[in-house]
């Protein structure tokens, strides 16, 4: 966790219960994304750079939806570097069909990671 803090990753305890740290659902989702990226030997520093490409506020809102039963899964799409100039496009989908449509419409490279 010291490394997360040093790199400025948005994963910090929100409160303590019985001397144990508690994290939000969104932060847990980010930790799952980091774990998936590290399976491909992507360093924590590069994970931070990739996470900077997604809209964290929208991610937090959407990651709560599976918990509330509104959607069954959440797929985060981390865009390639050339995508960074495009505004207004979502970085999350709720089905693989949405991911496919996004890929067809945007004609762009991204890393999809299912967390829900």
N, C-alpha and C. Protein backbone atom coordinates (compact mmCIF):
# COMPACT_ATOMS: atom_id res chain seq x y z
N UNK A 1 0.82 -1.19 0.00
CA UNK A 1 0.00 0.00 0.00
C UNK A 1 0.87 1.26 0.00
N UNK A 2 2.08 1.16 0.54
CA UNK A 2 2.97 2.33 0.51
C UNK A 2 3.28 2.70 -0.94
N UNK A 3 3.46 1.69 -1.77
CA UNK A 3 3.75 1.93 -3.19
C UNK A 3 2.55 2.61 -3.87
N UNK A 4 1.35 2.21 -3.53
CA UNK A 4 0.14 2.85 -4.08
C UNK A 4 0.12 4.33 -3.70
N UNK A 5 0.42 4.61 -2.46
CA UNK A 5 0.41 5.98 -1.96
C UNK A 5 1.51 6.79 -2.65
N UNK A 6 2.69 6.21 -2.80
CA UNK A 6 3.82 6.90 -3.43
C UNK A 6 3.51 7.27 -4.87
N UNK A 7 2.83 6.38 -5.59
CA UNK A 7 2.51 6.63 -6.99
C UNK A 7 1.25 7.47 -7.17
N UNK A 8 0.53 7.72 -6.10
CA UNK A 8 -0.68 8.52 -6.19
C UNK A 8 -1.88 7.76 -6.73
N UNK A 9 -1.88 6.45 -6.57
CA UNK A 9 -3.04 5.66 -7.00
C UNK A 9 -4.23 5.97 -6.09
N UNK A 10 -5.43 6.09 -6.66
CA UNK A 10 -6.59 6.49 -5.86
C UNK A 10 -7.18 5.35 -5.02
N UNK A 11 -6.31 4.65 -4.30
CA UNK A 11 -6.76 3.55 -3.45
C UNK A 11 -6.23 3.82 -2.04
N UNK A 12 -7.10 4.37 -1.21
CA UNK A 12 -6.73 4.67 0.16
C UNK A 12 -7.87 4.24 1.08
N UNK A 13 -7.55 3.83 2.29
CA UNK A 13 -8.62 3.42 3.21
C UNK A 13 -9.57 4.58 3.48
N UNK A 14 -10.85 4.29 3.48
CA UNK A 14 -11.86 5.32 3.74
C UNK A 14 -12.17 5.42 5.23
N UNK A 15 -11.98 4.30 5.93
CA UNK A 15 -12.20 4.29 7.37
C UNK A 15 -11.63 3.00 7.95
N UNK A 16 -11.59 2.95 9.25
CA UNK A 16 -11.11 1.75 9.94
C UNK A 16 -12.24 1.19 10.79
N UNK A 17 -12.36 -0.12 10.75
CA UNK A 17 -13.32 -0.82 11.60
C UNK A 17 -12.55 -1.92 12.31
N UNK A 18 -12.56 -1.84 13.61
CA UNK A 18 -11.83 -2.81 14.44
C UNK A 18 -10.37 -2.93 13.99
N UNK A 19 -9.74 -1.79 13.76
CA UNK A 19 -8.34 -1.68 13.36
C UNK A 19 -8.02 -2.26 11.99
N UNK A 20 -9.02 -2.46 11.16
CA UNK A 20 -8.78 -2.93 9.79
C UNK A 20 -9.26 -1.88 8.81
N UNK A 21 -8.47 -1.67 7.75
CA UNK A 21 -8.82 -0.69 6.74
C UNK A 21 -10.02 -1.16 5.93
N UNK A 22 -10.88 -0.22 5.56
CA UNK A 22 -12.04 -0.49 4.72
C UNK A 22 -11.95 0.41 3.49
N UNK A 23 -12.23 -0.18 2.34
CA UNK A 23 -12.13 0.51 1.06
C UNK A 23 -13.49 0.56 0.38
N UNK A 24 -13.67 1.52 -0.53
CA UNK A 24 -14.92 1.62 -1.26
C UNK A 24 -14.97 0.53 -2.34
N UNK A 25 -16.15 0.30 -2.87
CA UNK A 25 -16.31 -0.68 -3.95
C UNK A 25 -15.49 -0.24 -5.17
N UNK A 26 -15.49 1.06 -5.46
CA UNK A 26 -14.72 1.57 -6.59
C UNK A 26 -13.23 1.31 -6.44
N UNK A 27 -12.72 1.51 -5.24
CA UNK A 27 -11.30 1.27 -5.00
C UNK A 27 -10.97 -0.22 -5.11
N UNK A 28 -11.89 -1.06 -4.68
CA UNK A 28 -11.70 -2.51 -4.84
C UNK A 28 -11.68 -2.87 -6.32
N UNK A 29 -12.55 -2.24 -7.10
CA UNK A 29 -12.55 -2.46 -8.55
C UNK A 29 -11.24 -2.06 -9.19
N UNK A 30 -10.69 -0.92 -8.76
CA UNK A 30 -9.40 -0.48 -9.29
C UNK A 30 -8.29 -1.48 -8.92
N UNK A 31 -8.35 -2.00 -7.72
CA UNK A 31 -7.37 -3.00 -7.30
C UNK A 31 -7.46 -4.26 -8.17
N UNK A 32 -8.68 -4.65 -8.55
CA UNK A 32 -8.86 -5.80 -9.44
C UNK A 32 -8.27 -5.52 -10.82
N UNK A 33 -8.46 -4.30 -11.31
CA UNK A 33 -7.88 -3.93 -12.60
C UNK A 33 -6.36 -3.99 -12.53
N UNK A 34 -5.78 -3.44 -11.46
CA UNK A 34 -4.33 -3.47 -11.29
C UNK A 34 -3.82 -4.91 -11.25
N UNK A 35 -4.51 -5.76 -10.52
CA UNK A 35 -4.11 -7.17 -10.42
C UNK A 35 -4.14 -7.83 -11.80
N UNK A 36 -5.15 -7.53 -12.60
CA UNK A 36 -5.24 -8.10 -13.94
C UNK A 36 -4.11 -7.59 -14.83
N UNK A 37 -3.81 -6.31 -14.77
CA UNK A 37 -2.72 -5.75 -15.58
C UNK A 37 -1.38 -6.33 -15.17
N UNK A 38 -1.20 -6.57 -13.87
CA UNK A 38 0.07 -7.11 -13.41
C UNK A 38 0.26 -8.57 -13.82
N UNK A 39 -0.82 -9.26 -14.16
CA UNK A 39 -0.69 -10.62 -14.70
C UNK A 39 0.07 -10.60 -16.03
N UNK A 40 0.05 -9.45 -16.71
CA UNK A 40 0.76 -9.29 -17.98
C UNK A 40 2.11 -8.61 -17.78
N UNK A 41 2.59 -8.63 -16.54
CA UNK A 41 3.88 -8.08 -16.16
C UNK A 41 3.98 -6.58 -16.41
N UNK A 42 2.87 -5.90 -16.24
CA UNK A 42 2.85 -4.44 -16.34
C UNK A 42 3.18 -3.90 -14.96
N UNK A 43 4.18 -3.04 -14.89
CA UNK A 43 4.62 -2.51 -13.59
C UNK A 43 3.54 -1.64 -12.97
N UNK A 44 3.65 -1.45 -11.68
CA UNK A 44 2.68 -0.63 -10.96
C UNK A 44 2.69 0.81 -11.48
N UNK A 45 3.87 1.31 -11.82
CA UNK A 45 3.97 2.66 -12.38
C UNK A 45 3.19 2.76 -13.69
N UNK A 46 3.34 1.75 -14.55
CA UNK A 46 2.60 1.76 -15.81
C UNK A 46 1.11 1.50 -15.60
N UNK A 47 0.76 0.73 -14.58
CA UNK A 47 -0.66 0.56 -14.23
C UNK A 47 -1.27 1.91 -13.89
N UNK A 48 -0.54 2.73 -13.14
CA UNK A 48 -1.00 4.07 -12.78
C UNK A 48 -1.24 4.90 -14.04
N UNK A 49 -0.31 4.84 -14.98
CA UNK A 49 -0.46 5.59 -16.23
C UNK A 49 -1.69 5.13 -16.99
N UNK A 50 -1.94 3.83 -17.01
CA UNK A 50 -3.11 3.30 -17.71
C UNK A 50 -4.40 3.70 -17.00
N UNK A 51 -4.41 3.65 -15.67
CA UNK A 51 -5.61 4.03 -14.92
C UNK A 51 -5.94 5.51 -15.08
N UNK A 52 -4.93 6.33 -15.34
CA UNK A 52 -5.18 7.75 -15.56
C UNK A 52 -5.99 8.00 -16.83
N UNK A 53 -6.11 7.00 -17.69
CA UNK A 53 -6.84 7.14 -18.94
C UNK A 53 -8.34 6.89 -18.80
N UNK A 54 -8.76 6.38 -17.66
CA UNK A 54 -10.20 6.15 -17.48
C UNK A 54 -10.78 7.25 -16.59
N UNK A 55 -12.05 7.50 -16.77
CA UNK A 55 -12.75 8.52 -15.97
C UNK A 55 -13.14 7.88 -14.63
N UNK A 56 -12.40 8.21 -13.59
CA UNK A 56 -12.59 7.57 -12.28
C UNK A 56 -13.97 7.87 -11.71
N UNK A 57 -14.48 9.08 -11.91
CA UNK A 57 -15.80 9.43 -11.37
C UNK A 57 -16.88 8.57 -12.01
N UNK A 58 -16.85 8.42 -13.33
CA UNK A 58 -17.83 7.58 -14.02
C UNK A 58 -17.63 6.12 -13.60
N UNK A 59 -16.37 5.71 -13.48
CA UNK A 59 -16.07 4.35 -13.04
C UNK A 59 -16.68 4.07 -11.68
N UNK A 60 -16.52 4.99 -10.73
CA UNK A 60 -17.08 4.80 -9.38
C UNK A 60 -18.60 4.65 -9.42
N UNK A 61 -19.25 5.45 -10.26
CA UNK A 61 -20.71 5.37 -10.38
C UNK A 61 -21.13 4.01 -10.97
N UNK A 62 -20.41 3.57 -11.99
CA UNK A 62 -20.79 2.34 -12.66
C UNK A 62 -20.42 1.10 -11.85
N UNK A 63 -19.37 1.19 -11.07
CA UNK A 63 -18.96 0.02 -10.29
C UNK A 63 -19.95 -0.26 -9.16
N UNK A 64 -20.70 0.77 -8.74
CA UNK A 64 -21.73 0.57 -7.73
C UNK A 64 -22.98 -0.09 -8.31
N UNK A 65 -23.20 0.02 -9.61
CA UNK A 65 -24.42 -0.53 -10.23
C UNK A 65 -24.55 -2.05 -10.07
N UNK A 66 -23.48 -2.86 -10.28
CA UNK A 66 -23.66 -4.30 -10.06
C UNK A 66 -24.02 -4.62 -8.61
N UNK A 67 -23.47 -3.85 -7.68
CA UNK A 67 -23.78 -4.06 -6.25
C UNK A 67 -25.26 -3.81 -5.99
N UNK A 68 -25.82 -2.84 -6.67
CA UNK A 68 -27.23 -2.50 -6.48
C UNK A 68 -28.15 -3.35 -7.35
N UNK A 69 -27.59 -4.27 -8.12
CA UNK A 69 -28.40 -5.15 -8.95
C UNK A 69 -28.87 -4.52 -10.25
N UNK A 70 -28.37 -3.34 -10.59
CA UNK A 70 -28.80 -2.68 -11.82
C UNK A 70 -28.19 -3.33 -13.06
N UNK A 71 -26.95 -3.75 -12.97
CA UNK A 71 -26.30 -4.43 -14.08
C UNK A 71 -25.58 -5.67 -13.54
N UNK A 72 -25.30 -6.60 -14.43
CA UNK A 72 -24.69 -7.86 -14.00
C UNK A 72 -23.17 -7.85 -14.06
N UNK A 73 -22.60 -7.05 -14.98
CA UNK A 73 -21.14 -7.02 -15.09
C UNK A 73 -20.69 -5.64 -15.51
N UNK A 74 -19.41 -5.36 -15.28
CA UNK A 74 -18.81 -4.11 -15.69
C UNK A 74 -17.50 -4.43 -16.38
N UNK A 75 -17.34 -3.89 -17.57
CA UNK A 75 -16.12 -4.11 -18.34
C UNK A 75 -15.47 -2.75 -18.53
N UNK A 76 -14.27 -2.60 -18.01
CA UNK A 76 -13.52 -1.35 -18.12
C UNK A 76 -12.67 -1.44 -19.38
N UNK A 77 -12.69 -0.35 -20.16
CA UNK A 77 -11.90 -0.30 -21.40
C UNK A 77 -10.82 0.76 -21.24
N UNK A 78 -9.57 0.31 -21.15
CA UNK A 78 -8.45 1.24 -21.00
C UNK A 78 -7.95 1.56 -22.41
N UNK A 79 -8.13 2.81 -22.85
CA UNK A 79 -7.79 3.16 -24.23
C UNK A 79 -6.29 3.25 -24.47
N UNK A 80 -5.92 3.06 -25.74
CA UNK A 80 -4.53 3.24 -26.13
C UNK A 80 -4.19 4.73 -26.10
N UNK A 81 -2.92 5.03 -26.17
CA UNK A 81 -2.45 6.41 -26.03
C UNK A 81 -3.07 7.34 -27.08
N UNK A 82 -3.22 6.89 -28.32
CA UNK A 82 -3.74 7.77 -29.36
C UNK A 82 -5.21 8.15 -29.14
N UNK A 83 -5.86 7.46 -28.23
CA UNK A 83 -7.26 7.71 -27.93
C UNK A 83 -7.44 8.88 -26.97
N UNK A 84 -6.38 9.29 -26.31
CA UNK A 84 -6.50 10.26 -25.22
C UNK A 84 -7.08 11.61 -25.65
N UNK A 85 -6.95 11.96 -26.92
CA UNK A 85 -7.46 13.25 -27.38
C UNK A 85 -8.96 13.26 -27.58
N UNK A 86 -9.57 12.10 -27.69
CA UNK A 86 -11.01 12.02 -27.92
C UNK A 86 -11.76 12.18 -26.61
N UNK A 87 -12.74 13.07 -26.62
CA UNK A 87 -13.51 13.33 -25.39
C UNK A 87 -14.92 12.80 -25.55
N UNK A 88 -15.55 12.53 -24.45
CA UNK A 88 -16.95 12.16 -24.46
C UNK A 88 -17.24 10.68 -24.67
N UNK A 89 -16.23 9.86 -24.82
CA UNK A 89 -16.47 8.43 -25.00
C UNK A 89 -16.34 7.71 -23.66
N UNK A 90 -17.14 6.71 -23.47
CA UNK A 90 -17.15 5.97 -22.22
C UNK A 90 -15.92 5.07 -22.12
N UNK A 91 -15.48 4.82 -20.91
CA UNK A 91 -14.39 3.87 -20.69
C UNK A 91 -14.90 2.65 -19.94
N UNK A 92 -16.22 2.46 -19.93
CA UNK A 92 -16.81 1.30 -19.27
C UNK A 92 -18.04 0.85 -20.05
N UNK A 93 -18.28 -0.45 -20.00
CA UNK A 93 -19.45 -1.04 -20.66
C UNK A 93 -20.06 -2.06 -19.72
N UNK A 94 -21.31 -2.42 -19.99
CA UNK A 94 -21.99 -3.38 -19.13
C UNK A 94 -22.21 -4.72 -19.80
N UNK A 95 -21.73 -4.87 -21.04
CA UNK A 95 -21.82 -6.16 -21.73
C UNK A 95 -20.72 -6.24 -22.78
N UNK A 96 -20.41 -7.46 -23.18
CA UNK A 96 -19.40 -7.64 -24.22
C UNK A 96 -19.93 -7.15 -25.57
N UNK A 97 -21.24 -7.14 -25.74
CA UNK A 97 -21.83 -6.59 -26.97
C UNK A 97 -21.54 -5.10 -27.06
N UNK A 98 -21.65 -4.39 -25.94
CA UNK A 98 -21.32 -2.96 -25.91
C UNK A 98 -19.85 -2.73 -26.26
N UNK A 99 -18.98 -3.58 -25.73
CA UNK A 99 -17.55 -3.47 -26.02
C UNK A 99 -17.31 -3.64 -27.51
N UNK A 100 -17.96 -4.64 -28.11
CA UNK A 100 -17.81 -4.89 -29.54
C UNK A 100 -18.31 -3.70 -30.35
N UNK A 101 -19.47 -3.16 -29.99
CA UNK A 101 -20.01 -2.00 -30.70
C UNK A 101 -19.10 -0.79 -30.55
N UNK A 102 -18.55 -0.60 -29.35
CA UNK A 102 -17.63 0.50 -29.12
C UNK A 102 -16.41 0.36 -30.02
N UNK A 103 -15.88 -0.86 -30.12
CA UNK A 103 -14.71 -1.10 -30.96
C UNK A 103 -15.03 -0.82 -32.43
N UNK A 104 -16.22 -1.22 -32.88
CA UNK A 104 -16.62 -0.96 -34.27
C UNK A 104 -16.79 0.53 -34.53
N UNK A 105 -17.48 1.22 -33.62
CA UNK A 105 -17.79 2.64 -33.81
C UNK A 105 -16.55 3.52 -33.69
N UNK A 106 -15.73 3.25 -32.70
CA UNK A 106 -14.58 4.11 -32.43
C UNK A 106 -13.34 3.71 -33.24
N UNK A 107 -13.29 2.47 -33.70
CA UNK A 107 -12.13 1.96 -34.44
C UNK A 107 -10.83 2.30 -33.71
N UNK A 108 -10.79 1.90 -32.46
CA UNK A 108 -9.65 2.23 -31.62
C UNK A 108 -9.21 1.03 -30.80
N UNK A 109 -7.97 1.03 -30.39
CA UNK A 109 -7.44 -0.05 -29.55
C UNK A 109 -7.67 0.27 -28.08
N UNK A 110 -8.00 -0.77 -27.32
CA UNK A 110 -8.15 -0.61 -25.87
C UNK A 110 -7.99 -1.96 -25.22
N UNK A 111 -7.77 -1.94 -23.92
CA UNK A 111 -7.67 -3.17 -23.14
C UNK A 111 -8.96 -3.33 -22.37
N UNK A 112 -9.76 -4.37 -22.67
CA UNK A 112 -10.98 -4.58 -21.89
C UNK A 112 -10.70 -5.50 -20.68
N UNK A 113 -11.22 -5.11 -19.53
CA UNK A 113 -11.05 -5.91 -18.31
C UNK A 113 -12.41 -6.01 -17.63
N UNK A 114 -12.90 -7.24 -17.49
CA UNK A 114 -14.18 -7.46 -16.81
C UNK A 114 -13.93 -7.55 -15.32
N UNK A 115 -14.68 -6.75 -14.55
CA UNK A 115 -14.51 -6.79 -13.10
C UNK A 115 -15.80 -7.12 -12.37
N UNK A 116 -16.90 -7.27 -13.07
CA UNK A 116 -18.15 -7.53 -12.38
C UNK A 116 -18.74 -8.85 -12.72
